[in-house]
């Protein structure tokens, strides 16, 4: 394992749940921005979109309706909607619009999780 991979692995092992979600959303935004710079149907664009879809599927799978039913009721359908937009963003008519929608929502979610992390830091102080 190279030094960068070891660093990332250690970073994830030492991170809180909120920090892990923040990392996932940061990666999703980065990948969506890269995909947006590529034309629909391009293999690299589809690869980035697939990676973001995998992130959303992981996030969706981690939702616990017993622990936070209101939160799950709110974000569960939103995650599903973004996944649909990511599929549409790969190829075909409206691909760029679908990608723009997915990027907009993902950026807002990333900002929200950033604010949650800041709030937790203030509470811990």
Protein backbone atom coordinates (compact mmCIF):
# COMPACT_ATOMS: atom_id res chain seq x y z
CA UNK A 1 0.00 0.00 0.00
CA UNK A 2 1.45 3.36 -0.97
CA UNK A 3 1.78 6.30 1.44
CA UNK A 4 -1.33 8.12 0.18
CA UNK A 5 -3.49 5.01 0.52
CA UNK A 6 -2.16 4.43 4.08
CA UNK A 7 -2.89 8.06 4.99
CA UNK A 8 -6.45 7.84 3.67
CA UNK A 9 -7.03 4.51 5.40
CA UNK A 10 -5.83 5.94 8.73
CA UNK A 11 -7.92 9.06 8.21
CA UNK A 12 -11.08 6.97 7.79
CA UNK A 13 -10.27 4.69 10.75
CA UNK A 14 -9.87 7.69 13.06
CA UNK A 15 -12.87 9.64 11.76
CA UNK A 16 -16.24 10.04 13.44
CA UNK A 17 -19.40 9.02 11.60
CA UNK A 18 -20.07 12.66 10.69
CA UNK A 19 -16.52 13.06 9.35
CA UNK A 20 -16.92 9.93 7.22
CA UNK A 21 -20.17 11.26 5.75
CA UNK A 22 -18.42 14.59 5.11
CA UNK A 23 -15.61 12.77 3.28
CA UNK A 24 -18.12 10.84 1.18
CA UNK A 25 -19.97 13.99 0.16
CA UNK A 26 -16.69 15.81 -0.59
CA UNK A 27 -15.71 12.94 -2.88
CA UNK A 28 -19.15 12.93 -4.50
CA UNK A 29 -18.99 16.67 -5.22
CA UNK A 30 -15.47 16.34 -6.62
CA UNK A 31 -16.50 13.47 -8.90
CA UNK A 32 -19.63 15.29 -10.08
CA UNK A 33 -17.59 18.38 -10.93
CA UNK A 34 -15.19 16.21 -12.95
CA UNK A 35 -18.13 14.50 -14.69
CA UNK A 36 -19.70 17.87 -15.52
CA UNK A 37 -16.56 18.83 -17.44
CA UNK A 38 -17.00 15.82 -19.75
CA UNK A 39 -19.58 15.23 -22.51
CA UNK A 40 -22.47 12.81 -21.94
CA UNK A 41 -21.62 9.24 -22.85
CA UNK A 42 -17.88 9.68 -22.31
CA UNK A 43 -16.44 6.69 -20.40
CA UNK A 44 -14.73 8.83 -17.75
CA UNK A 45 -17.96 10.73 -17.10
CA UNK A 46 -19.87 7.49 -16.66
CA UNK A 47 -17.13 6.17 -14.33
CA UNK A 48 -17.39 9.28 -12.11
CA UNK A 49 -21.19 9.05 -12.06
CA UNK A 50 -21.03 5.36 -11.16
CA UNK A 51 -18.68 6.15 -8.28
CA UNK A 52 -21.06 8.82 -6.94
CA UNK A 53 -23.99 6.41 -7.32
CA UNK A 54 -22.06 3.89 -5.20
CA UNK A 55 -21.52 6.57 -2.55
CA UNK A 56 -25.24 7.32 -2.45
CA UNK A 57 -26.11 3.63 -2.26
CA UNK A 58 -23.76 3.26 0.73
CA UNK A 59 -25.28 6.31 2.41
CA UNK A 60 -28.77 5.00 1.71
CA UNK A 61 -27.88 1.59 3.11
CA UNK A 62 -26.54 3.17 6.29
CA UNK A 63 -29.81 4.96 7.08
CA UNK A 64 -31.38 3.64 10.28
CA UNK A 65 -35.13 4.35 10.43
CA UNK A 66 -35.32 3.19 14.05
CA UNK A 67 -32.61 5.58 15.22
CA UNK A 68 -33.74 8.62 13.23
CA UNK A 69 -37.12 8.08 11.55
CA UNK A 70 -37.68 11.75 10.64
CA UNK A 71 -34.21 12.08 9.14
CA UNK A 72 -34.61 8.86 7.12
CA UNK A 73 -38.05 9.95 5.89
CA UNK A 74 -36.49 13.19 4.66
CA UNK A 75 -33.21 12.07 3.10
CA UNK A 76 -34.12 8.54 1.95
CA UNK A 77 -36.31 9.74 -0.94
CA UNK A 78 -33.82 12.51 -1.70
CA UNK A 79 -30.98 10.00 -2.02
CA UNK A 80 -33.16 7.89 -4.34
CA UNK A 81 -33.96 10.94 -6.46
CA UNK A 82 -30.26 11.82 -6.78
CA UNK A 83 -29.47 8.24 -7.79
CA UNK A 84 -32.09 8.54 -10.55
CA UNK A 85 -30.53 11.81 -11.71
CA UNK A 86 -27.09 10.17 -11.77
CA UNK A 87 -28.41 7.40 -14.02
CA UNK A 88 -29.96 9.99 -16.36
CA UNK A 89 -26.73 12.03 -16.33
CA UNK A 90 -24.77 9.28 -18.05
CA UNK A 91 -26.19 9.49 -21.55
CA UNK A 92 -29.13 10.72 -23.52
CA UNK A 93 -31.27 13.78 -23.70
CA UNK A 94 -31.26 15.87 -20.55
CA UNK A 95 -28.04 14.32 -19.25
CA UNK A 96 -26.42 17.68 -18.48
CA UNK A 97 -29.53 18.95 -16.69
CA UNK A 98 -29.73 15.77 -14.60
CA UNK A 99 -26.07 16.12 -13.70
CA UNK A 100 -26.56 19.77 -12.73
CA UNK A 101 -29.46 18.77 -10.47
CA UNK A 102 -27.42 16.00 -8.83
CA UNK A 103 -24.46 18.33 -8.30
CA UNK A 104 -26.65 21.06 -6.82
CA UNK A 105 -28.32 18.74 -4.31
CA UNK A 106 -25.07 16.96 -3.46
CA UNK A 107 -23.31 20.28 -2.86
CA UNK A 108 -26.13 21.37 -0.54
CA UNK A 109 -25.99 18.08 1.35
CA UNK A 110 -22.20 18.40 1.66
CA UNK A 111 -22.61 21.91 3.08
CA UNK A 112 -25.24 20.64 5.51
CA UNK A 113 -22.93 17.92 6.80
CA UNK A 114 -20.11 20.45 7.08
CA UNK A 115 -22.40 22.56 9.31
CA UNK A 116 -23.29 19.48 11.40
CA UNK A 117 -19.57 18.87 11.95
CA UNK A 118 -19.01 22.48 13.00
CA UNK A 119 -21.94 22.25 15.40
CA UNK A 120 -20.53 19.06 16.94
CA UNK A 121 -17.14 20.74 17.37
CA UNK A 122 -18.75 23.67 19.19
CA UNK A 123 -20.70 21.29 21.43
CA UNK A 124 -17.55 19.35 22.31
CA UNK A 125 -15.70 22.51 23.33
